[in-house]
Amino acid sequence: MGDEIKSALEIALEKAAKIGKASKEELRKEKLEKEGRRLAARFLQEKDFNLLKAIAAISSEDKPVVLRAAVDTLVRNIVFPRDELALSDIEKALKGLEVIFIDFPQVKELTAEIKKLLTLYLQQQKQLFEQFKIQFKSQMGEIEEALKQQYGQSVKIEPEMLPQFQEEWGKVKGQLEAQYKRQLDYFKDLFYKMLP
């Protein structure tokens, strides 16, 4: 069994050895994937970048690899939002996917469903947070009373600042994400099914 387990160093050395032996086709594929990631990143960062024009300039032979990498990058940017600002960043990734899959009429319906799901998630997260905060504050009365006894004056504690609050909220938020994850993953997977 000891022979089967490799150290991180051994794995890294094997990868390094393979790099020197990469075929021209592997190097070309890696270059095309890098180009796809770069195009998606430019679309996400630059306001006036024309992704459709950039895709049209790619040869039909190279297009499948470049598009897969671009789709990968955009799909990775579809995550559970923390707030409305994060949701607007996700909408930009959805717009990029609409550009890539412009020939698929159902892509707008798919991106609308994803936006609806993430908006619902965000609303439910806010509601849960407020409920959790109220519930936690009710427990805070005992702590504040104990501190008042100890220091001789009343002390107000903001529950969100307590590590215990953050830890418990993290668990609640994780459960909420788990409820939505399966549906979001299903939607994200549909983009890969549309690839050539």
N, C-alpha and C. Protein backbone atom coordinates (compact mmCIF):
# COMPACT_ATOMS: atom_id res chain seq x y z
N MET A 1 0.82 -1.19 0.00
CA MET A 1 0.00 0.00 0.00
C MET A 1 0.86 1.25 0.00
N GLY A 2 2.03 1.20 0.64
CA GLY A 2 2.91 2.36 0.71
C GLY A 2 3.38 2.80 -0.67
N ASP A 3 3.44 1.87 -1.62
CA ASP A 3 3.88 2.21 -2.97
C ASP A 3 2.84 3.03 -3.72
N GLU A 4 1.56 2.89 -3.35
CA GLU A 4 0.48 3.58 -4.06
C GLU A 4 0.38 5.04 -3.69
N ILE A 5 0.78 5.40 -2.49
CA ILE A 5 0.65 6.78 -2.03
C ILE A 5 1.86 7.58 -2.49
N LYS A 6 1.58 8.68 -3.17
CA LYS A 6 2.64 9.54 -3.67
C LYS A 6 2.62 10.86 -2.92
N SER A 7 3.79 11.36 -2.67
CA SER A 7 3.86 12.66 -2.01
C SER A 7 3.56 13.76 -3.02
N ALA A 8 3.27 14.93 -2.50
CA ALA A 8 3.00 16.07 -3.38
C ALA A 8 4.22 16.36 -4.25
N LEU A 9 5.40 16.17 -3.69
CA LEU A 9 6.64 16.41 -4.45
C LEU A 9 6.74 15.43 -5.61
N GLU A 10 6.44 14.15 -5.38
CA GLU A 10 6.51 13.16 -6.44
C GLU A 10 5.52 13.48 -7.56
N ILE A 11 4.32 13.89 -7.18
CA ILE A 11 3.29 14.26 -8.18
C ILE A 11 3.76 15.46 -8.98
N ALA A 12 4.30 16.46 -8.28
CA ALA A 12 4.79 17.67 -8.96
C ALA A 12 5.93 17.33 -9.91
N LEU A 13 6.83 16.45 -9.51
CA LEU A 13 7.94 16.06 -10.37
C LEU A 13 7.44 15.31 -11.61
N GLU A 14 6.43 14.46 -11.44
CA GLU A 14 5.85 13.76 -12.59
C GLU A 14 5.23 14.75 -13.58
N LYS A 15 4.51 15.73 -13.04
CA LYS A 15 3.89 16.74 -13.91
C LYS A 15 4.96 17.55 -14.63
N ALA A 16 6.01 17.90 -13.91
CA ALA A 16 7.11 18.67 -14.53
C ALA A 16 7.76 17.87 -15.65
N ALA A 17 7.91 16.57 -15.44
CA ALA A 17 8.50 15.72 -16.47
C ALA A 17 7.60 15.66 -17.70
N LYS A 18 6.30 15.64 -17.48
CA LYS A 18 5.36 15.60 -18.60
C LYS A 18 5.36 16.90 -19.40
N ILE A 19 5.60 18.02 -18.71
CA ILE A 19 5.59 19.32 -19.40
C ILE A 19 6.62 19.35 -20.51
N GLY A 20 7.78 18.83 -20.22
CA GLY A 20 8.83 18.80 -21.23
C GLY A 20 8.49 17.87 -22.39
N LYS A 21 7.58 16.94 -22.17
CA LYS A 21 7.24 15.95 -23.18
C LYS A 21 5.88 16.21 -23.83
N ALA A 22 5.28 17.36 -23.56
CA ALA A 22 3.96 17.65 -24.12
C ALA A 22 4.04 17.68 -25.64
N SER A 23 3.06 17.07 -26.25
CA SER A 23 3.04 17.04 -27.71
C SER A 23 2.62 18.41 -28.25
N LYS A 24 2.86 18.60 -29.53
CA LYS A 24 2.48 19.87 -30.16
C LYS A 24 0.98 20.09 -30.05
N GLU A 25 0.22 19.00 -30.18
CA GLU A 25 -1.25 19.10 -30.09
C GLU A 25 -1.69 19.51 -28.69
N GLU A 26 -1.05 18.95 -27.66
CA GLU A 26 -1.37 19.33 -26.28
C GLU A 26 -1.05 20.80 -26.03
N LEU A 27 0.11 21.22 -26.54
CA LEU A 27 0.50 22.63 -26.37
C LEU A 27 -0.45 23.56 -27.11
N ARG A 28 -0.87 23.15 -28.28
CA ARG A 28 -1.82 23.95 -29.07
C ARG A 28 -3.17 24.04 -28.35
N LYS A 29 -3.63 22.90 -27.81
CA LYS A 29 -4.90 22.88 -27.08
C LYS A 29 -4.82 23.79 -25.85
N GLU A 30 -3.70 23.72 -25.14
CA GLU A 30 -3.51 24.57 -23.96
C GLU A 30 -3.53 26.05 -24.34
N LYS A 31 -2.92 26.37 -25.47
CA LYS A 31 -2.90 27.76 -25.95
C LYS A 31 -4.31 28.23 -26.30
N LEU A 32 -5.09 27.36 -26.95
CA LEU A 32 -6.47 27.70 -27.32
C LEU A 32 -7.35 27.85 -26.07
N GLU A 33 -7.16 26.99 -25.08
CA GLU A 33 -7.92 27.11 -23.84
C GLU A 33 -7.59 28.44 -23.13
N LYS A 34 -6.34 28.78 -23.15
CA LYS A 34 -5.91 30.05 -22.54
C LYS A 34 -6.58 31.22 -23.26
N GLU A 35 -6.67 31.12 -24.57
CA GLU A 35 -7.33 32.17 -25.36
C GLU A 35 -8.81 32.28 -25.00
N GLY A 36 -9.47 31.14 -24.83
CA GLY A 36 -10.89 31.14 -24.44
C GLY A 36 -11.09 31.78 -23.08
N ARG A 37 -10.24 31.45 -22.12
CA ARG A 37 -10.33 32.05 -20.78
C ARG A 37 -10.07 33.55 -20.85
N ARG A 38 -9.11 33.94 -21.70
CA ARG A 38 -8.78 35.36 -21.84
C ARG A 38 -9.95 36.14 -22.44
N LEU A 39 -10.59 35.57 -23.45
CA LEU A 39 -11.74 36.24 -24.08
C LEU A 39 -12.87 36.44 -23.06
N ALA A 40 -13.16 35.40 -22.29
CA ALA A 40 -14.22 35.50 -21.28
C ALA A 40 -13.86 36.53 -20.22
N ALA A 41 -12.61 36.54 -19.79
CA ALA A 41 -12.17 37.51 -18.78
C ALA A 41 -12.27 38.93 -19.31
N ARG A 42 -11.88 39.12 -20.56
CA ARG A 42 -12.00 40.47 -21.15
C ARG A 42 -13.45 40.91 -21.21
N PHE A 43 -14.34 39.99 -21.58
CA PHE A 43 -15.76 40.33 -21.63
C PHE A 43 -16.27 40.74 -20.25
N LEU A 44 -15.85 40.02 -19.22
CA LEU A 44 -16.31 40.32 -17.86
C LEU A 44 -15.74 41.65 -17.34
N GLN A 45 -14.54 42.00 -17.78
CA GLN A 45 -13.86 43.17 -17.22
C GLN A 45 -14.01 44.44 -18.06
N GLU A 46 -14.06 44.29 -19.38
CA GLU A 46 -14.08 45.46 -20.25
C GLU A 46 -15.50 45.76 -20.72
N LYS A 47 -15.91 46.97 -20.50
CA LYS A 47 -17.28 47.37 -20.82
C LYS A 47 -17.60 47.27 -22.32
N ASP A 48 -16.66 47.66 -23.16
CA ASP A 48 -16.92 47.74 -24.60
C ASP A 48 -16.36 46.57 -25.41
N PHE A 49 -15.95 45.50 -24.76
CA PHE A 49 -15.38 44.36 -25.48
C PHE A 49 -16.48 43.62 -26.24
N ASN A 50 -16.24 43.40 -27.54
CA ASN A 50 -17.22 42.72 -28.40
C ASN A 50 -16.87 41.23 -28.48
N LEU A 51 -17.48 40.45 -27.62
CA LEU A 51 -17.22 39.01 -27.57
C LEU A 51 -17.67 38.31 -28.85
N LEU A 52 -18.79 38.72 -29.40
CA LEU A 52 -19.31 38.11 -30.62
C LEU A 52 -18.31 38.26 -31.77
N LYS A 53 -17.74 39.44 -31.90
CA LYS A 53 -16.76 39.71 -32.95
C LYS A 53 -15.49 38.88 -32.72
N ALA A 54 -15.07 38.78 -31.46
CA ALA A 54 -13.87 38.00 -31.13
C ALA A 54 -14.08 36.52 -31.45
N ILE A 55 -15.27 36.01 -31.17
CA ILE A 55 -15.57 34.60 -31.45
C ILE A 55 -15.62 34.36 -32.96
N ALA A 56 -16.19 35.31 -33.69
CA ALA A 56 -16.28 35.18 -35.15
C ALA A 56 -14.90 35.11 -35.80
N ALA A 57 -13.90 35.71 -35.15
CA ALA A 57 -12.55 35.74 -35.71
C ALA A 57 -11.79 34.42 -35.50
N ILE A 58 -12.34 33.52 -34.71
CA ILE A 58 -11.67 32.25 -34.42
C ILE A 58 -11.98 31.26 -35.54
N SER A 59 -10.96 30.52 -35.95
CA SER A 59 -11.18 29.53 -37.03
C SER A 59 -12.13 28.45 -36.55
N SER A 60 -12.87 27.87 -37.49
CA SER A 60 -13.86 26.85 -37.13
C SER A 60 -13.19 25.62 -36.51
N GLU A 61 -11.94 25.38 -36.87
CA GLU A 61 -11.19 24.24 -36.31
C GLU A 61 -10.86 24.48 -34.83
N ASP A 62 -10.54 25.71 -34.48
CA ASP A 62 -10.14 26.05 -33.10
C ASP A 62 -11.32 26.40 -32.20
N LYS A 63 -12.44 26.75 -32.81
CA LYS A 63 -13.59 27.28 -32.07
C LYS A 63 -14.08 26.37 -30.93
N PRO A 64 -14.24 25.05 -31.13
CA PRO A 64 -14.76 24.23 -30.04
C PRO A 64 -13.93 24.31 -28.75
N VAL A 65 -12.62 24.29 -28.87
CA VAL A 65 -11.75 24.33 -27.69
C VAL A 65 -11.81 25.70 -27.02
N VAL A 66 -11.77 26.75 -27.83
CA VAL A 66 -11.81 28.12 -27.30
C VAL A 66 -13.15 28.37 -26.61
N LEU A 67 -14.23 27.96 -27.26
CA LEU A 67 -15.56 28.18 -26.68
C LEU A 67 -15.76 27.43 -25.37
N ARG A 68 -15.28 26.19 -25.31
CA ARG A 68 -15.40 25.41 -24.06
C ARG A 68 -14.69 26.12 -22.91
N ALA A 69 -13.50 26.63 -23.17
CA ALA A 69 -12.74 27.33 -22.12
C ALA A 69 -13.44 28.63 -21.73
N ALA A 70 -14.00 29.33 -22.71
CA ALA A 70 -14.72 30.58 -22.41
C ALA A 70 -15.98 30.28 -21.60
N VAL A 71 -16.70 29.24 -22.00
CA VAL A 71 -17.91 28.83 -21.27
C VAL A 71 -17.53 28.43 -19.84
N ASP A 72 -16.45 27.68 -19.70
CA ASP A 72 -15.96 27.29 -18.37
C ASP A 72 -15.76 28.50 -17.48
N THR A 73 -15.08 29.50 -18.01
CA THR A 73 -14.79 30.72 -17.24
C THR A 73 -16.07 31.44 -16.86
N LEU A 74 -16.97 31.58 -17.79
CA LEU A 74 -18.23 32.29 -17.52
C LEU A 74 -19.10 31.52 -16.52
N VAL A 75 -19.18 30.20 -16.69
CA VAL A 75 -20.00 29.38 -15.80
C VAL A 75 -19.44 29.42 -14.37
N ARG A 76 -18.12 29.45 -14.24
CA ARG A 76 -17.51 29.54 -12.90
C ARG A 76 -17.87 30.85 -12.20
N ASN A 77 -18.26 31.84 -12.96
CA ASN A 77 -18.65 33.13 -12.38
C ASN A 77 -20.12 33.16 -11.96
N ILE A 78 -20.82 32.08 -12.20
CA ILE A 78 -22.21 31.98 -11.76
C ILE A 78 -22.20 31.27 -10.41
N VAL A 79 -22.24 32.06 -9.37
CA VAL A 79 -22.15 31.56 -7.99
C VAL A 79 -23.29 32.16 -7.18
N PHE A 80 -23.44 31.68 -5.95
CA PHE A 80 -24.46 32.25 -5.08
C PHE A 80 -24.02 33.66 -4.66
N PRO A 81 -24.84 34.66 -4.96
CA PRO A 81 -24.44 36.06 -4.69
C PRO A 81 -24.52 36.41 -3.20
N ARG A 82 -23.62 37.29 -2.78
CA ARG A 82 -23.65 37.81 -1.41
C ARG A 82 -24.66 38.95 -1.30
N ASP A 83 -24.78 39.73 -2.40
CA ASP A 83 -25.64 40.91 -2.41
C ASP A 83 -26.01 41.26 -3.85
N GLU A 84 -26.74 42.37 -4.01
CA GLU A 84 -27.19 42.78 -5.35
C GLU A 84 -26.02 43.11 -6.27
N LEU A 85 -24.94 43.68 -5.71
CA LEU A 85 -23.77 44.01 -6.53
C LEU A 85 -23.17 42.74 -7.13
N ALA A 86 -23.05 41.71 -6.32
CA ALA A 86 -22.53 40.43 -6.81
C ALA A 86 -23.47 39.85 -7.87
N LEU A 87 -24.76 40.06 -7.70
CA LEU A 87 -25.73 39.57 -8.68
C LEU A 87 -25.52 40.25 -10.03
N SER A 88 -25.18 41.53 -10.03
CA SER A 88 -24.94 42.23 -11.30
C SER A 88 -23.70 41.69 -12.00
N ASP A 89 -22.68 41.25 -11.24
CA ASP A 89 -21.50 40.62 -11.85
C ASP A 89 -21.88 39.29 -12.49
N ILE A 90 -22.76 38.56 -11.83
CA ILE A 90 -23.22 37.28 -12.36
C ILE A 90 -24.02 37.50 -13.64
N GLU A 91 -24.82 38.56 -13.66
CA GLU A 91 -25.60 38.88 -14.86
C GLU A 91 -24.69 39.13 -16.05
N LYS A 92 -23.52 39.70 -15.81
CA LYS A 92 -22.55 39.93 -16.89
C LYS A 92 -22.08 38.59 -17.46
N ALA A 93 -21.81 37.63 -16.59
CA ALA A 93 -21.41 36.29 -17.05
C ALA A 93 -22.55 35.64 -17.86
N LEU A 94 -23.78 35.84 -17.41
CA LEU A 94 -24.93 35.29 -18.14
C LEU A 94 -25.06 35.93 -19.52
N LYS A 95 -24.79 37.23 -19.60
CA LYS A 95 -24.82 37.92 -20.91
C LYS A 95 -23.76 37.33 -21.84
N GLY A 96 -22.59 37.03 -21.29
CA GLY A 96 -21.53 36.42 -22.10
C GLY A 96 -21.96 35.07 -22.65
N LEU A 97 -22.65 34.29 -21.84
CA LEU A 97 -23.14 33.00 -22.31
C LEU A 97 -24.22 33.18 -23.38
N GLU A 98 -25.03 34.22 -23.25
CA GLU A 98 -26.03 34.50 -24.29
C GLU A 98 -25.35 34.84 -25.61
N VAL A 99 -24.22 35.54 -25.54
CA VAL A 99 -23.47 35.88 -26.75
C VAL A 99 -22.90 34.61 -27.39
N ILE A 100 -22.29 33.77 -26.57
CA ILE A 100 -21.67 32.54 -27.09
C ILE A 100 -22.72 31.63 -27.72
N PHE A 101 -23.89 31.53 -27.07
CA PHE A 101 -24.94 30.63 -27.56
C PHE A 101 -26.06 31.40 -28.27
N ILE A 102 -25.68 32.42 -29.01
CA ILE A 102 -26.65 33.29 -29.68
C ILE A 102 -27.54 32.50 -30.66
N ASP A 103 -27.03 31.39 -31.18
CA ASP A 103 -27.80 30.58 -32.14
C ASP A 103 -28.84 29.69 -31.46
N PHE A 104 -28.84 29.65 -30.13
CA PHE A 104 -29.81 28.85 -29.39
C PHE A 104 -30.88 29.76 -28.81
N PRO A 105 -32.10 29.72 -29.37
CA PRO A 105 -33.15 30.64 -28.88
C PRO A 105 -33.48 30.43 -27.40
N GLN A 106 -33.32 29.21 -26.90
CA GLN A 106 -33.69 28.92 -25.51
C GLN A 106 -32.65 29.42 -24.50
N VAL A 107 -31.52 29.95 -24.97
CA VAL A 107 -30.49 30.38 -24.03
C VAL A 107 -30.96 31.55 -23.17
N LYS A 108 -31.77 32.44 -23.73
CA LYS A 108 -32.28 33.57 -22.95
C LYS A 108 -33.23 33.09 -21.84
N GLU A 109 -34.00 32.07 -22.15
CA GLU A 109 -34.88 31.48 -21.13
C GLU A 109 -34.05 30.86 -20.00
N LEU A 110 -32.97 30.19 -20.39
CA LEU A 110 -32.10 29.55 -19.41
C LEU A 110 -31.43 30.59 -18.51
N THR A 111 -30.90 31.65 -19.11
CA THR A 111 -30.24 32.67 -18.29
C THR A 111 -31.26 33.39 -17.40
N ALA A 112 -32.49 33.55 -17.91
CA ALA A 112 -33.55 34.18 -17.09
C ALA A 112 -33.90 33.28 -15.90
N GLU A 113 -33.94 31.98 -16.12
CA GLU A 113 -34.22 31.04 -15.03
C GLU A 113 -33.12 31.07 -13.97
N ILE A 114 -31.87 31.16 -14.43
CA ILE A 114 -30.74 31.22 -13.49
C ILE A 114 -30.82 32.51 -12.67
N LYS A 115 -31.10 33.62 -13.35
CA LYS A 115 -31.20 34.90 -12.64
C LYS A 115 -32.35 34.84 -11.62
N LYS A 116 -33.47 34.25 -12.02
CA LYS A 116 -34.61 34.13 -11.12
C LYS A 116 -34.24 33.27 -9.90
N LEU A 117 -33.55 32.17 -10.13
CA LEU A 117 -33.14 31.28 -9.05
C LEU A 117 -32.20 32.02 -8.08
N LEU A 118 -31.22 32.75 -8.62
CA LEU A 118 -30.25 33.44 -7.77
C LEU A 118 -30.89 34.62 -7.04
N THR A 119 -31.85 35.28 -7.66
CA THR A 119 -32.58 36.37 -7.00
C THR A 119 -33.41 35.82 -5.85
N LEU A 120 -34.07 34.70 -6.10
CA LEU A 120 -34.85 34.04 -5.05
C LEU A 120 -33.94 33.61 -3.90
N TYR A 121 -32.79 33.07 -4.25
CA TYR A 121 -31.81 32.68 -3.23
C TYR A 121 -31.41 33.88 -2.38
N LEU A 122 -31.11 34.99 -3.05
CA LEU A 122 -30.68 36.20 -2.35
C LEU A 122 -31.77 36.73 -1.42
N GLN A 123 -33.02 36.72 -1.90
CA GLN A 123 -34.15 37.16 -1.07
C GLN A 123 -34.32 36.25 0.15
N GLN A 124 -34.25 34.96 -0.08
CA GLN A 124 -34.42 34.02 1.02
C GLN A 124 -33.26 34.13 2.01
N GLN A 125 -32.06 34.39 1.49
CA GLN A 125 -30.90 34.55 2.36
C GLN A 125 -31.09 35.77 3.28
N LYS A 126 -31.57 36.86 2.71
CA LYS A 126 -31.82 38.08 3.50
C LYS A 126 -32.86 37.80 4.59
N GLN A 127 -33.95 37.14 4.22
CA GLN A 127 -34.99 36.83 5.20
C GLN A 127 -34.45 35.93 6.32
N LEU A 128 -33.72 34.90 5.92
CA LEU A 128 -33.15 33.99 6.91
C LEU A 128 -32.18 34.72 7.83
N PHE A 129 -31.39 35.62 7.25
CA PHE A 129 -30.41 36.37 8.05
C PHE A 129 -31.12 37.21 9.10
N GLU A 130 -32.18 37.92 8.69
CA GLU A 130 -32.92 38.75 9.64
C GLU A 130 -33.56 37.90 10.74
N GLN A 131 -34.16 36.78 10.36
CA GLN A 131 -34.77 35.88 11.34
C GLN A 131 -33.70 35.33 12.29
N PHE A 132 -32.56 34.94 11.73
CA PHE A 132 -31.48 34.39 12.53
C PHE A 132 -30.94 35.44 13.50
N LYS A 133 -30.82 36.68 13.02
CA LYS A 133 -30.32 37.77 13.85
C LYS A 133 -31.27 38.03 15.03
N ILE A 134 -32.57 38.05 14.76
CA ILE A 134 -33.57 38.27 15.81
C ILE A 134 -33.50 37.13 16.83
N GLN A 135 -33.42 35.92 16.34
CA GLN A 135 -33.33 34.76 17.22
C GLN A 135 -32.06 34.82 18.08
N PHE A 136 -30.97 35.20 17.45
CA PHE A 136 -29.69 35.27 18.17
C PHE A 136 -29.72 36.40 19.20
N LYS A 137 -30.35 37.54 18.83
CA LYS A 137 -30.44 38.68 19.75
C LYS A 137 -31.22 38.31 21.02
N SER A 138 -32.23 37.47 20.86
CA SER A 138 -33.01 37.07 22.03
C SER A 138 -32.13 36.30 23.02
N GLN A 139 -31.16 35.57 22.49
CA GLN A 139 -30.23 34.85 23.35
C GLN A 139 -29.17 35.79 23.93
N MET A 140 -28.98 36.94 23.27
CA MET A 140 -27.96 37.90 23.70
C MET A 140 -28.32 38.57 25.03
N GLY A 141 -29.60 38.63 25.33
CA GLY A 141 -30.03 39.28 26.58
C GLY A 141 -29.33 38.69 27.79
N GLU A 142 -29.19 37.38 27.80
CA GLU A 142 -28.51 36.70 28.91
C GLU A 142 -27.04 37.10 28.99
N ILE A 143 -26.37 37.17 27.84
CA ILE A 143 -24.95 37.55 27.81
C ILE A 143 -24.78 39.00 28.27
N GLU A 144 -25.65 39.90 27.74
CA GLU A 144 -25.58 41.31 28.13
C GLU A 144 -25.83 41.48 29.63
N GLU A 145 -26.75 40.71 30.18
CA GLU A 145 -27.04 40.79 31.61
C GLU A 145 -25.84 40.33 32.43
N ALA A 146 -25.19 39.26 31.97
CA ALA A 146 -24.00 38.76 32.67
C ALA A 146 -22.88 39.79 32.62
N LEU A 147 -22.72 40.47 31.48
CA LEU A 147 -21.69 41.51 31.36
C LEU A 147 -22.03 42.72 32.24
N LYS A 148 -23.31 43.03 32.34
CA LYS A 148 -23.75 44.14 33.19
C LYS A 148 -23.40 43.83 34.66
N GLN A 149 -23.64 42.60 35.04
CA GLN A 149 -23.31 42.18 36.40
C GLN A 149 -21.80 42.29 36.64
N GLN A 150 -21.03 41.87 35.64
CA GLN A 150 -19.57 41.83 35.78
C GLN A 150 -18.97 43.24 35.79
N TYR A 151 -19.43 44.13 34.89
CA TYR A 151 -18.81 45.45 34.75
C TYR A 151 -19.59 46.58 35.43
N GLY A 152 -20.77 46.32 35.92
CA GLY A 152 -21.55 47.32 36.63
C GLY A 152 -22.24 48.34 35.74
N GLN A 153 -22.24 48.14 34.45
CA GLN A 153 -22.96 49.02 33.53
C GLN A 153 -23.46 48.20 32.35
N SER A 154 -24.49 48.72 31.68
CA SER A 154 -25.05 47.93 30.58
C SER A 154 -24.14 47.99 29.36
N VAL A 155 -24.06 46.86 28.71
CA VAL A 155 -23.20 46.69 27.54
C VAL A 155 -24.07 46.21 26.39
N LYS A 156 -23.98 46.90 25.25
CA LYS A 156 -24.71 46.48 24.04
C LYS A 156 -23.74 45.73 23.12
N ILE A 157 -24.17 44.58 22.69
CA ILE A 157 -23.34 43.76 21.82
C ILE A 157 -24.06 43.61 20.48
N GLU A 158 -23.31 43.83 19.42
CA GLU A 158 -23.85 43.58 18.08
C GLU A 158 -23.63 42.10 17.77
N PRO A 159 -24.70 41.35 17.60
CA PRO A 159 -24.56 39.90 17.42
C PRO A 159 -23.68 39.51 16.23
N GLU A 160 -23.74 40.29 15.13
CA GLU A 160 -22.98 39.93 13.93
C GLU A 160 -21.48 39.93 14.16
N MET A 161 -21.04 40.63 15.21
CA MET A 161 -19.60 40.73 15.48
C MET A 161 -19.06 39.52 16.27
N LEU A 162 -19.95 38.72 16.79
CA LEU A 162 -19.52 37.58 17.60
C LEU A 162 -19.13 36.39 16.71
N PRO A 163 -18.01 35.76 17.02
CA PRO A 163 -17.60 34.57 16.24
C PRO A 163 -18.66 33.47 16.25
N GLN A 164 -19.35 33.31 17.38
CA GLN A 164 -20.39 32.29 17.48
C GLN A 164 -21.51 32.58 16.48
N PHE A 165 -21.88 33.87 16.33
CA PHE A 165 -22.91 34.26 15.36
C PHE A 165 -22.46 33.89 13.95
N GLN A 166 -21.22 34.27 13.61
CA GLN A 166 -20.70 34.02 12.27
C GLN A 166 -20.66 32.51 11.97
N GLU A 167 -20.25 31.75 12.96
CA GLU A 167 -20.16 30.29 12.78
C GLU A 167 -21.55 29.68 12.56
N GLU A 168 -22.50 30.06 13.41
CA GLU A 168 -23.86 29.52 13.29
C GLU A 168 -24.52 30.00 11.99
N TRP A 169 -24.31 31.27 11.64
CA TRP A 169 -24.89 31.79 10.39
C TRP A 169 -24.29 31.06 9.19
N GLY A 170 -23.01 30.76 9.25
CA GLY A 170 -22.36 30.02 8.17
C GLY A 170 -23.03 28.66 7.94
N LYS A 171 -23.41 28.01 9.02
CA LYS A 171 -24.09 26.71 8.90
C LYS A 171 -25.46 26.87 8.24
N VAL A 172 -26.22 27.88 8.69
CA VAL A 172 -27.55 28.13 8.14
C VAL A 172 -27.45 28.48 6.65
N LYS A 173 -26.50 29.34 6.33
CA LYS A 173 -26.30 29.76 4.93
C LYS A 173 -25.88 28.56 4.08
N GLY A 174 -25.04 27.69 4.62
CA GLY A 174 -24.62 26.48 3.90
C GLY A 174 -25.79 25.58 3.58
N GLN A 175 -26.73 25.46 4.52
CA GLN A 175 -27.92 24.65 4.28
C GLN A 175 -28.78 25.26 3.18
N LEU A 176 -28.88 26.58 3.18
CA LEU A 176 -29.65 27.27 2.13
C LEU A 176 -29.01 27.03 0.77
N GLU A 177 -27.69 27.17 0.69
CA GLU A 177 -26.99 26.94 -0.58
C GLU A 177 -27.19 25.52 -1.06
N ALA A 178 -27.16 24.58 -0.14
CA ALA A 178 -27.35 23.17 -0.51
C ALA A 178 -28.72 22.95 -1.16
N GLN A 179 -29.74 23.68 -0.67
CA GLN A 179 -31.08 23.56 -1.25
C GLN A 179 -31.11 24.03 -2.70
N TYR A 180 -30.33 25.05 -3.02
CA TYR A 180 -30.35 25.64 -4.37
C TYR A 180 -29.28 25.06 -5.30
N LYS A 181 -28.28 24.42 -4.74
CA LYS A 181 -27.12 23.99 -5.52
C LYS A 181 -27.49 23.01 -6.64
N ARG A 182 -28.31 22.04 -6.34
CA ARG A 182 -28.65 21.04 -7.35
C ARG A 182 -29.28 21.69 -8.58
N GLN A 183 -30.22 22.60 -8.37
CA GLN A 183 -30.88 23.28 -9.48
C GLN A 183 -29.89 24.15 -10.26
N LEU A 184 -29.03 24.89 -9.53
CA LEU A 184 -28.04 25.74 -10.20
C LEU A 184 -27.07 24.89 -11.01
N ASP A 185 -26.60 23.79 -10.44
CA ASP A 185 -25.68 22.91 -11.17
C ASP A 185 -26.33 22.34 -12.42
N TYR A 186 -27.62 21.99 -12.32
CA TYR A 186 -28.36 21.48 -13.48
C TYR A 186 -28.39 22.53 -14.59
N PHE A 187 -28.71 23.76 -14.23
CA PHE A 187 -28.76 24.85 -15.22
C PHE A 187 -27.38 25.07 -15.85
N LYS A 188 -26.34 25.09 -15.02
CA LYS A 188 -24.99 25.33 -15.53
C LYS A 188 -24.57 24.22 -16.50
N ASP A 189 -24.95 23.01 -16.19
CA ASP A 189 -24.59 21.86 -17.02
C ASP A 189 -25.23 21.96 -18.42
N LEU A 190 -26.37 22.61 -18.52
CA LEU A 190 -27.04 22.74 -19.82
C LEU A 190 -26.18 23.52 -20.82
N PHE A 191 -25.37 24.47 -20.34
CA PHE A 191 -24.50 25.22 -21.25
C PHE A 191 -23.48 24.28 -21.92
N TYR A 192 -22.97 23.32 -21.17
CA TYR A 192 -22.00 22.38 -21.74
C TYR A 192 -22.65 21.47 -22.77
N LYS A 193 -23.93 21.17 -22.57
CA LYS A 193 -24.65 20.32 -23.52
C LYS A 193 -24.88 21.05 -24.86
N MET A 194 -24.86 22.38 -24.82
CA MET A 194 -25.08 23.15 -26.05
C MET A 194 -23.78 23.35 -26.86
N LEU A 195 -22.65 23.02 -26.24
CA LEU A 195 -21.37 23.22 -26.95
C LEU A 195 -21.26 22.31 -28.16
N PRO A 196 -20.55 22.79 -29.20
CA PRO A 196 -20.37 21.94 -30.39
C PRO A 196 -19.47 20.75 -30.10
